[in-house]
Amino acid sequence: MKRDYYCQGVIFTEYVKIDTQNRARINCFIVKHWFSTEMIIRGTIIDMTKVDGIVVLENDNIVGLLTYAIRDKVCEIISLDSLIEGKGIGTTLINKVIFIAKEADCKKVIVVTTNDNVKAIGFYQKRGFDMAHLYRNAMDISRKIKPSIPLIGDGGIPLKHEIEFEMSIT
């Protein structure tokens, strides 16, 4: 992975894969930002302590994280966090996972978000992802598995549906 080294007080940024040495730290970050290491996507529990990913460090502080899983020639983005907006962290992480997916001979990259996450909906479309599926009332199923999922999401929007985006990479 890319490492940018600077000196004399200039920000040091590196993009590294999750590995055994940084896994515990990543798990703490996930709990802090997602309130659990379990994520529910399309009614399936994802154990975030076992997914692959890329972490972004600036001066040894985590400022970004993308987790993913590859199955059946499909790379699914599980989570994407960028703590500093407007610096290209999210876009760089997307580009890196697309590269990883191509190296793994995947046919497409997919990501699921909820209907209230209007920032993510715009973010993925601006980066070439297209809406592929709407899972109506999927959050009702997810709440049966994980009751802590709120009824109201970002911006006061009722949290009801999952939207799957995809990008073909063949």
N, C-alpha and C. Protein backbone atom coordinates (compact mmCIF):
# COMPACT_ATOMS: atom_id res chain seq x y z
N MET A 1 0.83 -1.18 0.00
CA MET A 1 0.00 0.00 0.00
C MET A 1 0.88 1.25 0.00
N LYS A 2 0.29 2.35 -0.45
CA LYS A 2 1.01 3.60 -0.58
C LYS A 2 1.32 4.19 0.80
N ARG A 3 2.52 4.70 0.95
CA ARG A 3 2.90 5.43 2.15
C ARG A 3 3.54 6.74 1.71
N ASP A 4 3.04 7.85 2.22
CA ASP A 4 3.60 9.17 1.94
C ASP A 4 4.32 9.66 3.19
N TYR A 5 5.60 9.85 3.08
CA TYR A 5 6.38 10.32 4.23
C TYR A 5 6.76 11.77 4.02
N TYR A 6 6.51 12.60 5.01
CA TYR A 6 6.88 14.00 4.97
C TYR A 6 7.61 14.32 6.26
N CYS A 7 8.31 15.40 6.26
CA CYS A 7 9.03 15.77 7.48
C CYS A 7 8.74 17.22 7.85
N GLN A 8 9.30 17.66 8.96
CA GLN A 8 9.20 19.03 9.46
C GLN A 8 7.76 19.47 9.65
N GLY A 9 6.95 18.62 10.32
CA GLY A 9 5.60 19.01 10.69
C GLY A 9 4.53 18.87 9.64
N VAL A 10 4.90 18.47 8.43
CA VAL A 10 3.90 18.27 7.39
C VAL A 10 3.22 16.94 7.63
N ILE A 11 1.95 16.87 7.34
CA ILE A 11 1.16 15.67 7.62
C ILE A 11 1.73 14.44 6.93
N PHE A 12 1.80 13.37 7.69
CA PHE A 12 2.25 12.08 7.22
C PHE A 12 1.00 11.22 7.01
N THR A 13 0.75 10.76 5.80
CA THR A 13 -0.42 9.96 5.49
C THR A 13 0.02 8.61 4.94
N GLU A 14 -0.63 7.55 5.41
CA GLU A 14 -0.38 6.24 4.83
C GLU A 14 -1.68 5.46 4.74
N TYR A 15 -1.77 4.65 3.71
CA TYR A 15 -2.90 3.76 3.47
C TYR A 15 -2.35 2.34 3.62
N VAL A 16 -2.85 1.61 4.61
CA VAL A 16 -2.35 0.26 4.85
C VAL A 16 -3.52 -0.71 5.00
N LYS A 17 -3.27 -1.94 4.63
CA LYS A 17 -4.29 -2.97 4.79
C LYS A 17 -4.43 -3.35 6.26
N ILE A 18 -5.63 -3.77 6.62
CA ILE A 18 -5.84 -4.31 7.96
C ILE A 18 -5.05 -5.60 8.05
N ASP A 19 -4.32 -5.76 9.16
CA ASP A 19 -3.57 -6.99 9.39
C ASP A 19 -3.63 -7.34 10.87
N THR A 20 -2.94 -8.39 11.26
CA THR A 20 -2.99 -8.83 12.65
C THR A 20 -2.41 -7.79 13.61
N GLN A 21 -1.48 -6.98 13.13
CA GLN A 21 -0.86 -5.98 14.01
C GLN A 21 -1.74 -4.78 14.28
N ASN A 22 -2.64 -4.43 13.34
CA ASN A 22 -3.48 -3.26 13.57
C ASN A 22 -4.95 -3.61 13.80
N ARG A 23 -5.28 -4.91 13.79
CA ARG A 23 -6.69 -5.35 13.89
C ARG A 23 -7.37 -4.87 15.17
N ALA A 24 -6.73 -4.98 16.32
CA ALA A 24 -7.37 -4.56 17.58
C ALA A 24 -7.70 -3.06 17.54
N ARG A 25 -6.78 -2.29 17.02
CA ARG A 25 -7.00 -0.84 16.92
C ARG A 25 -8.16 -0.53 15.96
N ILE A 26 -8.22 -1.26 14.86
CA ILE A 26 -9.30 -1.08 13.88
C ILE A 26 -10.63 -1.45 14.52
N ASN A 27 -10.65 -2.55 15.27
CA ASN A 27 -11.90 -2.97 15.92
C ASN A 27 -12.40 -1.89 16.88
N CYS A 28 -11.51 -1.26 17.61
CA CYS A 28 -11.90 -0.16 18.50
C CYS A 28 -12.48 1.01 17.70
N PHE A 29 -11.87 1.32 16.58
CA PHE A 29 -12.37 2.39 15.71
C PHE A 29 -13.78 2.05 15.22
N ILE A 30 -13.98 0.80 14.81
CA ILE A 30 -15.29 0.37 14.32
C ILE A 30 -16.35 0.53 15.42
N VAL A 31 -16.04 0.09 16.61
CA VAL A 31 -17.00 0.21 17.71
C VAL A 31 -17.30 1.69 18.00
N LYS A 32 -16.28 2.53 17.96
CA LYS A 32 -16.48 3.95 18.24
C LYS A 32 -17.40 4.60 17.21
N HIS A 33 -17.26 4.22 15.94
CA HIS A 33 -18.00 4.89 14.87
C HIS A 33 -19.26 4.16 14.43
N TRP A 34 -19.36 2.87 14.72
CA TRP A 34 -20.54 2.09 14.31
C TRP A 34 -21.28 1.51 15.53
N PHE A 35 -20.76 1.73 16.72
CA PHE A 35 -21.37 1.32 18.00
C PHE A 35 -21.42 -0.19 18.20
N SER A 36 -20.81 -0.95 17.31
CA SER A 36 -20.81 -2.41 17.40
C SER A 36 -19.84 -2.94 16.36
N THR A 37 -19.40 -4.17 16.53
CA THR A 37 -18.61 -4.82 15.48
C THR A 37 -19.49 -5.69 14.59
N GLU A 38 -20.80 -5.65 14.82
CA GLU A 38 -21.73 -6.37 13.96
C GLU A 38 -22.51 -5.39 13.11
N MET A 39 -22.51 -5.63 11.82
CA MET A 39 -23.29 -4.81 10.89
C MET A 39 -24.29 -5.73 10.21
N ILE A 40 -25.48 -5.23 9.97
CA ILE A 40 -26.52 -6.01 9.29
C ILE A 40 -26.69 -5.42 7.90
N ILE A 41 -26.48 -6.24 6.88
CA ILE A 41 -26.67 -5.83 5.50
C ILE A 41 -27.52 -6.88 4.81
N ARG A 42 -28.63 -6.44 4.23
CA ARG A 42 -29.58 -7.34 3.56
C ARG A 42 -29.97 -8.51 4.46
N GLY A 43 -30.17 -8.24 5.75
CA GLY A 43 -30.62 -9.25 6.69
C GLY A 43 -29.56 -10.24 7.13
N THR A 44 -28.29 -9.97 6.81
CA THR A 44 -27.18 -10.85 7.17
C THR A 44 -26.25 -10.14 8.14
N ILE A 45 -25.85 -10.84 9.18
CA ILE A 45 -24.91 -10.28 10.15
C ILE A 45 -23.50 -10.37 9.57
N ILE A 46 -22.82 -9.23 9.55
CA ILE A 46 -21.42 -9.16 9.12
C ILE A 46 -20.57 -8.92 10.36
N ASP A 47 -19.61 -9.81 10.61
CA ASP A 47 -18.68 -9.65 11.72
C ASP A 47 -17.54 -8.75 11.24
N MET A 48 -17.57 -7.50 11.66
CA MET A 48 -16.60 -6.52 11.19
C MET A 48 -15.18 -6.81 11.68
N THR A 49 -15.03 -7.70 12.66
CA THR A 49 -13.69 -8.04 13.15
C THR A 49 -12.98 -9.00 12.20
N LYS A 50 -13.69 -9.49 11.20
CA LYS A 50 -13.11 -10.47 10.29
C LYS A 50 -13.00 -10.00 8.84
N VAL A 51 -13.53 -8.82 8.53
CA VAL A 51 -13.49 -8.35 7.15
C VAL A 51 -12.11 -7.75 6.82
N ASP A 52 -11.80 -7.74 5.54
CA ASP A 52 -10.58 -7.10 5.07
C ASP A 52 -10.81 -5.60 4.99
N GLY A 53 -9.74 -4.85 4.87
CA GLY A 53 -9.92 -3.42 4.76
C GLY A 53 -8.64 -2.65 4.58
N ILE A 54 -8.82 -1.36 4.40
CA ILE A 54 -7.72 -0.41 4.25
C ILE A 54 -7.95 0.70 5.26
N VAL A 55 -6.93 1.00 6.04
CA VAL A 55 -7.01 2.07 7.03
C VAL A 55 -6.14 3.23 6.57
N VAL A 56 -6.61 4.44 6.84
CA VAL A 56 -5.86 5.64 6.51
C VAL A 56 -5.37 6.25 7.81
N LEU A 57 -4.06 6.43 7.88
CA LEU A 57 -3.43 7.02 9.06
C LEU A 57 -2.81 8.36 8.68
N GLU A 58 -3.06 9.37 9.51
CA GLU A 58 -2.35 10.64 9.39
C GLU A 58 -1.68 10.90 10.73
N ASN A 59 -0.38 11.03 10.68
CA ASN A 59 0.41 11.19 11.90
C ASN A 59 0.03 10.13 12.92
N ASP A 60 -0.16 8.91 12.45
CA ASP A 60 -0.49 7.72 13.24
C ASP A 60 -1.90 7.74 13.84
N ASN A 61 -2.75 8.68 13.42
CA ASN A 61 -4.15 8.70 13.84
C ASN A 61 -5.03 8.16 12.72
N ILE A 62 -6.00 7.33 13.07
CA ILE A 62 -6.91 6.81 12.05
C ILE A 62 -7.84 7.93 11.60
N VAL A 63 -7.82 8.22 10.31
CA VAL A 63 -8.70 9.24 9.75
C VAL A 63 -9.63 8.68 8.68
N GLY A 64 -9.46 7.41 8.35
CA GLY A 64 -10.33 6.78 7.36
C GLY A 64 -10.22 5.28 7.42
N LEU A 65 -11.29 4.63 6.99
CA LEU A 65 -11.32 3.17 6.96
C LEU A 65 -12.34 2.71 5.94
N LEU A 66 -11.95 1.77 5.11
CA LEU A 66 -12.87 1.09 4.21
C LEU A 66 -12.72 -0.40 4.47
N THR A 67 -13.84 -1.08 4.73
CA THR A 67 -13.82 -2.53 4.89
C THR A 67 -14.57 -3.15 3.73
N TYR A 68 -14.16 -4.38 3.38
CA TYR A 68 -14.76 -5.04 2.22
C TYR A 68 -14.68 -6.55 2.38
N ALA A 69 -15.48 -7.22 1.56
CA ALA A 69 -15.44 -8.69 1.49
C ALA A 69 -15.56 -9.07 0.03
N ILE A 70 -14.81 -10.08 -0.37
CA ILE A 70 -14.87 -10.58 -1.75
C ILE A 70 -15.47 -11.97 -1.74
N ARG A 71 -16.56 -12.13 -2.50
CA ARG A 71 -17.24 -13.43 -2.64
C ARG A 71 -17.76 -13.56 -4.06
N ASP A 72 -17.55 -14.70 -4.66
CA ASP A 72 -18.14 -15.01 -5.97
C ASP A 72 -17.88 -13.92 -7.00
N LYS A 73 -16.66 -13.44 -7.08
CA LYS A 73 -16.26 -12.43 -8.07
C LYS A 73 -16.92 -11.08 -7.86
N VAL A 74 -17.42 -10.84 -6.64
CA VAL A 74 -18.02 -9.56 -6.29
C VAL A 74 -17.30 -9.02 -5.06
N CYS A 75 -16.86 -7.78 -5.14
CA CYS A 75 -16.25 -7.10 -4.00
C CYS A 75 -17.33 -6.20 -3.39
N GLU A 76 -17.67 -6.48 -2.13
CA GLU A 76 -18.68 -5.66 -1.45
C GLU A 76 -18.01 -4.77 -0.43
N ILE A 77 -18.22 -3.47 -0.57
CA ILE A 77 -17.78 -2.53 0.44
C ILE A 77 -18.73 -2.67 1.62
N ILE A 78 -18.18 -2.95 2.78
CA ILE A 78 -18.99 -3.15 3.98
C ILE A 78 -19.16 -1.82 4.72
N SER A 79 -18.08 -1.07 4.85
CA SER A 79 -18.16 0.23 5.52
C SER A 79 -17.14 1.18 4.92
N LEU A 80 -17.45 2.45 5.01
CA LEU A 80 -16.53 3.50 4.57
C LEU A 80 -16.65 4.66 5.54
N ASP A 81 -15.53 5.02 6.15
CA ASP A 81 -15.48 6.15 7.07
C ASP A 81 -14.35 7.08 6.64
N SER A 82 -14.66 8.36 6.58
CA SER A 82 -13.64 9.38 6.38
C SER A 82 -13.90 10.47 7.40
N LEU A 83 -12.98 10.66 8.31
CA LEU A 83 -13.18 11.61 9.39
C LEU A 83 -12.87 13.04 8.99
N ILE A 84 -12.21 13.21 7.84
CA ILE A 84 -11.87 14.55 7.36
C ILE A 84 -12.43 14.68 5.95
N GLU A 85 -13.48 15.46 5.80
CA GLU A 85 -14.11 15.61 4.49
C GLU A 85 -13.32 16.57 3.60
N GLY A 86 -13.43 16.35 2.30
CA GLY A 86 -12.84 17.25 1.33
C GLY A 86 -11.37 17.05 1.05
N LYS A 87 -10.76 16.01 1.61
CA LYS A 87 -9.33 15.75 1.36
C LYS A 87 -9.11 14.60 0.39
N GLY A 88 -10.20 13.97 -0.07
CA GLY A 88 -10.07 12.87 -1.02
C GLY A 88 -9.83 11.51 -0.38
N ILE A 89 -9.98 11.42 0.93
CA ILE A 89 -9.74 10.15 1.62
C ILE A 89 -10.71 9.08 1.13
N GLY A 90 -12.01 9.40 1.13
CA GLY A 90 -13.02 8.44 0.68
C GLY A 90 -12.82 8.03 -0.76
N THR A 91 -12.55 8.98 -1.63
CA THR A 91 -12.33 8.68 -3.05
C THR A 91 -11.09 7.81 -3.23
N THR A 92 -10.02 8.13 -2.52
CA THR A 92 -8.81 7.31 -2.62
C THR A 92 -9.08 5.88 -2.14
N LEU A 93 -9.83 5.74 -1.05
CA LEU A 93 -10.18 4.39 -0.57
C LEU A 93 -11.01 3.63 -1.60
N ILE A 94 -11.95 4.29 -2.22
CA ILE A 94 -12.76 3.65 -3.28
C ILE A 94 -11.84 3.20 -4.42
N ASN A 95 -10.95 4.06 -4.86
CA ASN A 95 -10.03 3.69 -5.95
C ASN A 95 -9.15 2.52 -5.56
N LYS A 96 -8.70 2.49 -4.32
CA LYS A 96 -7.86 1.38 -3.88
C LYS A 96 -8.64 0.07 -3.83
N VAL A 97 -9.88 0.10 -3.38
CA VAL A 97 -10.66 -1.15 -3.33
C VAL A 97 -11.03 -1.61 -4.75
N ILE A 98 -11.23 -0.69 -5.67
CA ILE A 98 -11.47 -1.07 -7.06
C ILE A 98 -10.24 -1.78 -7.61
N PHE A 99 -9.06 -1.27 -7.31
CA PHE A 99 -7.82 -1.92 -7.74
C PHE A 99 -7.71 -3.33 -7.15
N ILE A 100 -8.00 -3.45 -5.85
CA ILE A 100 -7.95 -4.76 -5.18
C ILE A 100 -8.95 -5.72 -5.83
N ALA A 101 -10.14 -5.22 -6.13
CA ALA A 101 -11.17 -6.05 -6.77
C ALA A 101 -10.73 -6.53 -8.16
N LYS A 102 -10.11 -5.65 -8.91
CA LYS A 102 -9.61 -6.04 -10.24
C LYS A 102 -8.52 -7.10 -10.11
N GLU A 103 -7.62 -6.91 -9.14
CA GLU A 103 -6.55 -7.89 -8.90
C GLU A 103 -7.13 -9.26 -8.52
N ALA A 104 -8.29 -9.26 -7.85
CA ALA A 104 -8.95 -10.50 -7.43
C ALA A 104 -9.89 -11.03 -8.51
N ASP A 105 -9.86 -10.41 -9.70
CA ASP A 105 -10.67 -10.82 -10.85
C ASP A 105 -12.17 -10.69 -10.58
N CYS A 106 -12.55 -9.71 -9.77
CA CYS A 106 -13.97 -9.46 -9.53
C CYS A 106 -14.60 -8.83 -10.76
N LYS A 107 -15.89 -9.02 -10.90
CA LYS A 107 -16.65 -8.46 -12.02
C LYS A 107 -17.27 -7.12 -11.66
N LYS A 108 -17.52 -6.91 -10.35
CA LYS A 108 -18.12 -5.66 -9.93
C LYS A 108 -17.82 -5.39 -8.47
N VAL A 109 -18.02 -4.12 -8.10
CA VAL A 109 -17.93 -3.68 -6.72
C VAL A 109 -19.33 -3.19 -6.35
N ILE A 110 -19.81 -3.63 -5.18
CA ILE A 110 -21.13 -3.20 -4.72
C ILE A 110 -21.00 -2.58 -3.33
N VAL A 111 -22.01 -1.79 -2.99
CA VAL A 111 -22.09 -1.19 -1.66
C VAL A 111 -23.56 -0.95 -1.36
N VAL A 112 -23.94 -1.18 -0.11
CA VAL A 112 -25.31 -0.96 0.33
C VAL A 112 -25.31 0.16 1.34
N THR A 113 -26.25 1.09 1.20
CA THR A 113 -26.45 2.13 2.18
C THR A 113 -27.94 2.25 2.47
N THR A 114 -28.27 3.03 3.46
CA THR A 114 -29.67 3.18 3.83
C THR A 114 -30.25 4.44 3.20
N ASN A 115 -31.58 4.47 3.11
CA ASN A 115 -32.28 5.56 2.43
C ASN A 115 -32.05 6.93 3.07
N ASP A 116 -31.66 6.98 4.33
CA ASP A 116 -31.44 8.26 5.00
C ASP A 116 -30.06 8.84 4.75
N ASN A 117 -29.15 8.04 4.22
CA ASN A 117 -27.76 8.46 4.08
C ASN A 117 -27.56 9.19 2.74
N VAL A 118 -28.12 10.39 2.66
CA VAL A 118 -28.11 11.12 1.40
C VAL A 118 -26.70 11.50 0.96
N LYS A 119 -25.80 11.73 1.92
CA LYS A 119 -24.40 12.03 1.55
C LYS A 119 -23.78 10.84 0.82
N ALA A 120 -23.98 9.64 1.36
CA ALA A 120 -23.41 8.44 0.73
C ALA A 120 -24.04 8.18 -0.63
N ILE A 121 -25.34 8.39 -0.74
CA ILE A 121 -26.03 8.17 -2.02
C ILE A 121 -25.39 9.05 -3.10
N GLY A 122 -25.17 10.31 -2.80
CA GLY A 122 -24.52 11.20 -3.76
C GLY A 122 -23.07 10.85 -3.99
N PHE A 123 -22.35 10.52 -2.90
CA PHE A 123 -20.93 10.19 -2.99
C PHE A 123 -20.69 9.03 -3.96
N TYR A 124 -21.44 7.95 -3.79
CA TYR A 124 -21.22 6.78 -4.65
C TYR A 124 -21.59 7.05 -6.10
N GLN A 125 -22.68 7.79 -6.32
CA GLN A 125 -23.06 8.09 -7.70
C GLN A 125 -22.02 8.98 -8.39
N LYS A 126 -21.46 9.93 -7.66
CA LYS A 126 -20.44 10.81 -8.24
C LYS A 126 -19.17 10.05 -8.61
N ARG A 127 -18.96 8.88 -8.01
CA ARG A 127 -17.77 8.09 -8.27
C ARG A 127 -18.03 6.91 -9.20
N GLY A 128 -19.16 6.95 -9.90
CA GLY A 128 -19.42 5.97 -10.95
C GLY A 128 -20.28 4.77 -10.56
N PHE A 129 -20.78 4.75 -9.34
CA PHE A 129 -21.68 3.66 -8.93
C PHE A 129 -23.09 3.99 -9.39
N ASP A 130 -23.85 2.95 -9.69
CA ASP A 130 -25.23 3.11 -10.14
C ASP A 130 -26.16 2.35 -9.21
N MET A 131 -27.35 2.90 -8.97
CA MET A 131 -28.34 2.19 -8.16
C MET A 131 -28.73 0.91 -8.87
N ALA A 132 -28.63 -0.20 -8.14
CA ALA A 132 -28.92 -1.50 -8.75
C ALA A 132 -30.14 -2.17 -8.11
N HIS A 133 -30.32 -1.99 -6.81
CA HIS A 133 -31.43 -2.65 -6.11
C HIS A 133 -31.94 -1.77 -4.97
N LEU A 134 -33.24 -1.83 -4.77
CA LEU A 134 -33.86 -1.22 -3.60
C LEU A 134 -34.44 -2.35 -2.78
N TYR A 135 -34.01 -2.45 -1.54
CA TYR A 135 -34.54 -3.46 -0.62
C TYR A 135 -35.54 -2.75 0.29
N ARG A 136 -36.81 -2.77 -0.15
CA ARG A 136 -37.87 -2.06 0.58
C ARG A 136 -38.07 -2.66 1.97
N ASN A 137 -38.16 -1.78 2.93
CA ASN A 137 -38.41 -2.16 4.33
C ASN A 137 -37.38 -3.13 4.90
N ALA A 138 -36.19 -3.12 4.34
CA ALA A 138 -35.12 -4.01 4.80
C ALA A 138 -34.74 -3.74 6.26
N MET A 139 -34.92 -2.52 6.70
CA MET A 139 -34.52 -2.18 8.07
C MET A 139 -35.45 -2.84 9.09
N ASP A 140 -36.66 -3.19 8.70
CA ASP A 140 -37.54 -3.94 9.61
C ASP A 140 -36.94 -5.31 9.91
N ILE A 141 -36.39 -5.94 8.89
CA ILE A 141 -35.73 -7.24 9.07
C ILE A 141 -34.47 -7.08 9.91
N SER A 142 -33.70 -6.04 9.60
CA SER A 142 -32.45 -5.79 10.33
C SER A 142 -32.71 -5.52 11.81
N ARG A 143 -33.79 -4.79 12.12
CA ARG A 143 -34.11 -4.49 13.52
C ARG A 143 -34.50 -5.73 14.32
N LYS A 144 -35.03 -6.75 13.64
CA LYS A 144 -35.34 -8.01 14.32
C LYS A 144 -34.05 -8.70 14.78
N ILE A 145 -32.99 -8.52 14.00
CA ILE A 145 -31.68 -9.10 14.32
C ILE A 145 -30.92 -8.21 15.30
N LYS A 146 -31.02 -6.90 15.08
CA LYS A 146 -30.28 -5.92 15.88
C LYS A 146 -31.25 -4.81 16.29
N PRO A 147 -31.96 -5.00 17.39
CA PRO A 147 -32.99 -4.04 17.81
C PRO A 147 -32.48 -2.62 18.08
N SER A 148 -31.19 -2.44 18.25
CA SER A 148 -30.65 -1.11 18.54
C SER A 148 -30.65 -0.18 17.32
N ILE A 149 -30.98 -0.69 16.13
CA ILE A 149 -31.03 0.17 14.94
C ILE A 149 -32.19 1.14 15.11
N PRO A 150 -31.92 2.44 15.00
CA PRO A 150 -32.97 3.44 15.25
C PRO A 150 -34.05 3.46 14.16
N LEU A 151 -35.20 4.00 14.51
CA LEU A 151 -36.29 4.17 13.55
C LEU A 151 -36.08 5.39 12.66
N ILE A 152 -35.41 6.39 13.23
CA ILE A 152 -35.15 7.64 12.50
C ILE A 152 -33.65 7.76 12.27
N GLY A 153 -33.29 8.09 11.03
CA GLY A 153 -31.89 8.19 10.67
C GLY A 153 -31.43 9.63 10.50
N ASP A 154 -30.39 9.80 9.70
CA ASP A 154 -29.80 11.11 9.45
C ASP A 154 -30.85 12.09 8.94
N GLY A 155 -30.77 13.31 9.42
CA GLY A 155 -31.65 14.37 8.95
C GLY A 155 -33.11 14.17 9.31
N GLY A 156 -33.39 13.30 10.29
CA GLY A 156 -34.77 13.05 10.67
C GLY A 156 -35.54 12.19 9.69
N ILE A 157 -34.84 11.55 8.77
CA ILE A 157 -35.48 10.71 7.75
C ILE A 157 -35.78 9.33 8.34
N PRO A 158 -37.01 8.83 8.18
CA PRO A 158 -37.31 7.47 8.64
C PRO A 158 -36.36 6.46 8.00
N LEU A 159 -35.76 5.64 8.81
CA LEU A 159 -34.77 4.65 8.37
C LEU A 159 -35.51 3.37 8.00
N LYS A 160 -35.72 3.15 6.68
CA LYS A 160 -36.59 2.06 6.23
C LYS A 160 -35.95 1.11 5.23
N HIS A 161 -35.22 1.63 4.26
CA HIS A 161 -34.81 0.83 3.12
C HIS A 161 -33.28 0.76 2.98
N GLU A 162 -32.83 -0.25 2.26
CA GLU A 162 -31.43 -0.34 1.85
C GLU A 162 -31.38 -0.15 0.34
N ILE A 163 -30.36 0.55 -0.12
CA ILE A 163 -30.14 0.79 -1.53
C ILE A 163 -28.78 0.23 -1.89
N GLU A 164 -28.77 -0.64 -2.89
CA GLU A 164 -27.50 -1.23 -3.35
C GLU A 164 -27.02 -0.51 -4.60
N PHE A 165 -25.77 -0.11 -4.55
CA PHE A 165 -25.11 0.52 -5.69
C PHE A 165 -24.08 -0.47 -6.23
N GLU A 166 -23.83 -0.38 -7.53
CA GLU A 166 -22.79 -1.26 -8.10
C GLU A 166 -22.01 -0.54 -9.17
N MET A 167 -20.80 -1.02 -9.36
CA MET A 167 -19.93 -0.55 -10.42
C MET A 167 -19.34 -1.76 -11.11
N SER A 168 -19.56 -1.86 -12.40
CA SER A 168 -18.96 -2.95 -13.17
C SER A 168 -17.49 -2.62 -13.39
N ILE A 169 -16.64 -3.62 -13.21
CA ILE A 169 -15.19 -3.38 -13.42
C ILE A 169 -14.59 -4.35 -14.42
N THR A 170 -15.44 -4.93 -15.26
CA THR A 170 -14.92 -5.86 -16.26
C THR A 170 -14.48 -5.15 -17.50
